[in-house]
Amino acid sequence: MKKNVTLVAIVLLIAAALLLASRIKAADDTAIEVTLSGTVVDMHCYVTHGIHDAKHTACANACIARGVPAGFLADDGSLYVLFDEKPFSVKDKVAGLADVPATLKGTLVVRSGIKGIQIQSIEKKSPDR
């Protein structure tokens, strides 16, 4: 009797784990249109050193122009890797926008815990916004 109860418990645990795994995968495959406020950052300096201020703007713009991956640091502190809608660099779309307030519209994508945004449009915020 104890063996049957143990076997049933194991089967239920496996079923629950499979259900949970399928829900996590489904969440990773969800794409949502978003509009965010924040700043473009060069991923190297921001992730490795936390640098993203006005003193760093020229460096960040130069790094992104050389091909260092660009990210978007939203006003709420969330960091997103920036992607084009096609498999091309975003460096031209974000040229001159590092470390300055910007508004980003795009498609939020999440895969294996990495958050990214496929850029539809991005523009520098005007002082009155």
Protein backbone atom coordinates (compact mmCIF):
# COMPACT_ATOMS: atom_id res chain seq x y z
CA MET A 1 0.00 0.00 0.00
CA LYS A 2 2.80 2.45 0.91
CA LYS A 3 4.52 1.68 -2.41
CA ASN A 4 1.33 2.55 -4.31
CA VAL A 5 0.93 5.84 -2.43
CA THR A 6 4.58 6.69 -3.06
CA LEU A 7 4.25 5.83 -6.75
CA VAL A 8 1.13 8.00 -7.10
CA ALA A 9 2.88 10.88 -5.31
CA ILE A 10 5.86 10.62 -7.66
CA VAL A 11 3.61 10.57 -10.74
CA LEU A 12 1.72 13.64 -9.48
CA LEU A 13 4.96 15.50 -8.80
CA ILE A 14 6.23 14.73 -12.29
CA ALA A 15 2.93 15.86 -13.82
CA ALA A 16 3.01 19.10 -11.81
CA ALA A 17 6.62 19.77 -12.88
CA LEU A 18 5.74 19.22 -16.55
CA LEU A 19 2.74 21.54 -16.28
CA LEU A 20 4.84 24.24 -14.63
CA ALA A 21 7.56 23.89 -17.29
CA SER A 22 5.02 24.28 -20.10
CA ARG A 23 3.60 27.44 -18.49
CA ILE A 24 7.07 28.97 -18.14
CA LYS A 25 7.82 28.22 -21.80
CA ALA A 26 4.49 29.73 -22.86
CA ALA A 27 5.32 32.90 -20.91
CA ASP A 28 8.69 33.10 -22.69
CA ASP A 29 6.97 32.96 -26.09
CA THR A 30 4.64 35.91 -25.40
CA ALA A 31 5.27 39.11 -27.38
CA ILE A 32 3.71 42.36 -26.17
CA GLU A 33 3.72 45.84 -27.73
CA VAL A 34 5.18 48.39 -25.29
CA THR A 35 6.00 52.08 -25.02
CA LEU A 36 8.73 52.85 -22.49
CA SER A 37 10.58 55.89 -21.20
CA GLY A 38 14.23 55.59 -20.30
CA THR A 39 17.68 55.81 -21.85
CA VAL A 40 19.76 53.87 -24.34
CA VAL A 41 22.87 52.35 -22.74
CA ASP A 42 25.84 50.52 -24.13
CA MET A 43 25.50 47.07 -22.57
CA HIS A 44 29.20 46.64 -21.84
CA CYS A 45 29.68 49.71 -19.66
CA TYR A 46 26.26 49.48 -18.02
CA VAL A 47 26.31 45.78 -17.15
CA THR A 48 29.98 45.56 -16.17
CA HIS A 49 30.37 48.95 -14.44
CA GLY A 50 26.88 50.47 -13.97
CA ILE A 51 27.83 53.54 -16.03
CA HIS A 52 25.03 55.48 -17.74
CA ASP A 53 25.27 59.21 -17.10
CA ALA A 54 25.86 62.41 -19.06
CA LYS A 55 29.65 62.16 -18.55
CA HIS A 56 29.53 58.82 -20.39
CA THR A 57 27.37 59.82 -23.38
CA ALA A 58 30.19 60.23 -25.93
CA CYS A 59 31.78 56.93 -24.90
CA ALA A 60 28.46 55.06 -25.05
CA ASN A 61 27.58 56.48 -28.47
CA ALA A 62 31.05 55.56 -29.78
CA CYS A 63 30.82 52.03 -28.37
CA ILE A 64 27.37 51.44 -29.87
CA ALA A 65 28.59 52.81 -33.23
CA ARG A 66 31.44 50.24 -33.11
CA GLY A 67 28.95 47.42 -32.55
CA VAL A 68 28.79 47.07 -28.77
CA PRO A 69 25.26 45.80 -28.04
CA ALA A 70 22.77 48.51 -27.10
CA GLY A 71 20.28 48.22 -24.29
CA PHE A 72 17.40 50.26 -22.97
CA LEU A 73 17.31 51.15 -19.29
CA ALA A 74 13.65 51.91 -18.55
CA ASP A 75 12.70 54.49 -15.95
CA ASP A 76 11.57 51.65 -13.64
CA GLY A 77 15.11 50.18 -13.66
CA SER A 78 14.38 47.30 -16.05
CA LEU A 79 17.08 46.60 -18.62
CA TYR A 80 16.27 45.33 -22.11
CA VAL A 81 18.56 44.25 -24.93
CA LEU A 82 17.64 46.17 -28.10
CA PHE A 83 16.98 44.35 -31.36
CA ASP A 84 15.84 45.43 -34.79
CA GLU A 85 12.72 43.82 -36.17
CA LYS A 86 15.03 42.08 -38.68
CA PRO A 87 18.40 40.51 -37.79
CA PHE A 88 20.44 43.72 -38.19
CA SER A 89 22.32 45.95 -35.76
CA VAL A 90 20.31 48.70 -34.06
CA LYS A 91 23.29 51.07 -33.99
CA ASP A 92 21.82 53.34 -36.68
CA LYS A 93 18.41 53.48 -34.99
CA VAL A 94 19.89 54.51 -31.63
CA ALA A 95 22.73 56.71 -32.93
CA GLY A 96 23.21 59.72 -30.66
CA LEU A 97 20.63 58.56 -28.10
CA ALA A 98 22.88 57.03 -25.44
CA ASP A 99 22.36 58.29 -21.90
CA VAL A 100 19.68 60.83 -22.85
CA PRO A 101 15.94 60.57 -22.07
CA ALA A 102 14.11 58.72 -24.84
CA THR A 103 10.78 57.11 -25.66
CA LEU A 104 10.87 53.61 -27.14
CA LYS A 105 8.05 51.75 -28.89
CA GLY A 106 8.50 48.11 -29.74
CA THR A 107 7.75 44.47 -29.16
CA LEU A 108 8.78 43.01 -25.83
CA VAL A 109 10.36 39.57 -26.20
CA VAL A 110 11.53 37.25 -23.44
CA ARG A 111 13.55 34.09 -23.94
CA SER A 112 15.20 32.03 -21.22
CA GLY A 113 15.01 34.94 -18.80
CA ILE A 114 16.57 37.51 -21.16
CA LYS A 115 14.35 40.55 -21.82
CA GLY A 116 14.60 42.31 -25.14
CA ILE A 117 12.70 44.78 -27.26
CA GLN A 118 12.43 44.77 -31.04
CA ILE A 119 12.48 48.48 -31.88
CA GLN A 120 9.59 49.92 -33.87
CA SER A 121 10.54 53.52 -33.10
CA ILE A 122 12.74 55.43 -30.69
CA GLU A 123 13.12 59.16 -30.23
CA LYS A 124 14.76 61.62 -27.91
CA LYS A 125 12.28 63.11 -25.45
CA SER A 126 11.61 66.78 -25.92
CA PRO A 127 12.19 68.89 -22.78
CA ASP A 128 8.43 69.49 -22.32
CA ARG A 129 7.58 65.73 -22.02
